[in-house]
C-alpha atoms as a PDB file:
ATOM      1  CA  UNK A   1      11.470  -3.310 -14.665  1.00  0.00           C
ATOM      2  CA  UNK A   2      11.233  -3.868 -10.935  1.00  0.00           C
ATOM      3  CA  UNK A   3      13.099  -5.085  -7.884  1.00  0.00           C
ATOM      4  CA  UNK A   4      11.498  -8.047  -6.140  1.00  0.00           C
ATOM      5  CA  UNK A   5      11.694  -8.105  -2.322  1.00  0.00           C
ATOM      6  CA  UNK A   6      14.636 -10.558  -2.469  1.00  0.00           C
ATOM      7  CA  UNK A   7      16.639  -8.076  -4.590  1.00  0.00           C
ATOM      8  CA  UNK A   8      16.062  -9.809  -7.933  1.00  0.00           C
ATOM      9  CA  UNK A   9      15.823  -7.398 -10.887  1.00  0.00           C
ATOM     10  CA  UNK A  10      12.948  -8.441 -13.154  1.00  0.00           C
ATOM     11  CA  UNK A  11      11.295  -7.346 -16.394  1.00  0.00           C
ATOM     12  CA  UNK A  12       7.566  -8.051 -16.089  1.00  0.00           C
ATOM     13  CA  UNK A  13       4.215  -6.919 -17.462  1.00  0.00           C
ATOM     14  CA  UNK A  14       2.228  -4.617 -15.170  1.00  0.00           C
ATOM     15  CA  UNK A  15      -1.115  -6.400 -15.054  1.00  0.00           C
ATOM     16  CA  UNK A  16      -2.963  -4.379 -12.446  1.00  0.00           C
ATOM     17  CA  UNK A  17      -2.564  -1.352 -10.183  1.00  0.00           C
ATOM     18  CA  UNK A  18      -3.436  -2.122  -6.574  1.00  0.00           C
ATOM     19  CA  UNK A  19      -3.651   0.151  -3.541  1.00  0.00           C
ATOM     20  CA  UNK A  20      -0.252  -0.974  -2.233  1.00  0.00           C
ATOM     21  CA  UNK A  21       1.616  -1.240  -5.551  1.00  0.00           C
ATOM     22  CA  UNK A  22       1.651  -3.223  -8.790  1.00  0.00           C
ATOM     23  CA  UNK A  23       0.663  -6.775  -9.676  1.00  0.00           C
ATOM     24  CA  UNK A  24       3.312  -7.936 -12.158  1.00  0.00           C
ATOM     25  CA  UNK A  25       3.009 -10.976 -14.433  1.00  0.00           C
ATOM     26  CA  UNK A  26       5.527 -13.030 -16.388  1.00  0.00           C
ATOM     27  CA  UNK A  27       5.213 -13.726 -20.117  1.00  0.00           C
ATOM     28  CA  UNK A  28       6.036 -17.366 -19.320  1.00  0.00           C
ATOM     29  CA  UNK A  29       3.726 -18.244 -16.397  1.00  0.00           C
ATOM     30  CA  UNK A  30       4.834 -21.899 -16.236  1.00  0.00           C
ATOM     31  CA  UNK A  31       8.498 -21.039 -15.625  1.00  0.00           C
ATOM     32  CA  UNK A  32       8.577 -17.365 -14.656  1.00  0.00           C
ATOM     33  CA  UNK A  33       8.462 -15.818 -11.199  1.00  0.00           C
ATOM     34  CA  UNK A  34       6.057 -12.928 -10.746  1.00  0.00           C
ATOM     35  CA  UNK A  35       3.526 -11.451  -8.312  1.00  0.00           C
ATOM     36  CA  UNK A  36       1.793 -14.824  -8.006  1.00  0.00           C
ATOM     37  CA  UNK A  37       4.956 -15.929  -6.183  1.00  0.00           C
ATOM     38  CA  UNK A  38       6.222 -12.631  -4.676  1.00  0.00           C
ATOM     39  CA  UNK A  39       3.055 -10.602  -4.109  1.00  0.00           C
ATOM     40  CA  UNK A  40       2.357  -6.953  -4.894  1.00  0.00           C
ATOM     41  CA  UNK A  41       5.419  -4.883  -5.836  1.00  0.00           C
ATOM     42  CA  UNK A  42       5.593  -1.454  -4.168  1.00  0.00           C
ATOM     43  CA  UNK A  43       5.742   1.704  -6.303  1.00  0.00           C
ATOM     44  CA  UNK A  44       9.287   2.469  -5.111  1.00  0.00           C
ATOM     45  CA  UNK A  45      10.455  -0.931  -6.418  1.00  0.00           C
ATOM     46  CA  UNK A  46       9.271  -0.214  -9.981  1.00  0.00           C
ATOM     47  CA  UNK A  47      12.377   1.381 -11.467  1.00  0.00           C
ATOM     48  CA  UNK A  48      11.590   1.650 -15.197  1.00  0.00           C
ATOM     49  CA  UNK A  49       8.628   1.524 -17.564  1.00  0.00           C
ATOM     50  CA  UNK A  50       8.714   0.597 -21.270  1.00  0.00           C
ATOM     51  CA  UNK A  51       6.496   2.947 -23.253  1.00  0.00           C
ATOM     52  CA  UNK A  52       7.195   1.591 -26.751  1.00  0.00           C
ATOM     53  CA  UNK A  53       8.102  -1.819 -28.116  1.00  0.00           C
ATOM     54  CA  UNK A  54      10.288  -1.656 -31.220  1.00  0.00           C
ATOM     55  CA  UNK A  55      11.021  -5.334 -31.823  1.00  0.00           C
ATOM     56  CA  UNK A  56       9.372  -7.662 -32.519  1.00  0.00           C
ATOM     57  CA  UNK A  57       7.001  -5.403 -34.330  1.00  0.00           C
ATOM     58  CA  UNK A  58       3.452  -5.584 -32.930  1.00  0.00           C
ATOM     59  CA  UNK A  59       0.824  -7.122 -35.191  1.00  0.00           C
ATOM     60  CA  UNK A  60      -1.900  -4.976 -36.657  1.00  0.00           C
ATOM     61  CA  UNK A  61      -5.395  -5.384 -35.250  1.00  0.00           C
END
């Protein structure tokens, strides 16, 4: 979960760590807003991290 520079609160996937912050991506790239539109998100703007997904249950490899 992160704050975008315009104040929007967003839940995004952290795709890559960069020197100035995080590159965040949307699960729906055709309709979502993410770092491709807003740029790198600073560390201080990342306010929460999901460590476990409970539902829907992940598939087995």
